[in-house]
């Protein structure tokens, strides 16, 4: 079964750090472009950070630049999102998503460009 499974969410205080993981099964992650997306209540799903399969190039939303880092470990079929200096505005359900490199190459880190989604993990930032 082809799937992506997120983990690592939780309740943290402003300024804390958290690392999310996205583990792939049934597929070879190295051939997939992967992105992290988030959706807060009442808001549209938005791109947070994306990493390409070909050269590992990354892109980030302006709101997280300098605080979040996306990385991939193809040997472990895992993509991580390292989040530092978390703010209340970062609170959301975080999803990882993928698109096969043979299918298309995302031009922007936008949800519409990805077609395989995980179930999400909740991140709450509150004092």
Foldseek 3Di string as FASTA:
>chain_A
DWAKAKDWADEEAAQAKTKMKIATPPDQLLQKKKFKWWDAPPDDIFTAKIFGSPPRDMDGDPVQPPFWDWDDDRVRRMIMIIGGRDDQVPWGWMKMFIDGNVVDDDPDRGPVVTDHIYPTDTHGYHD
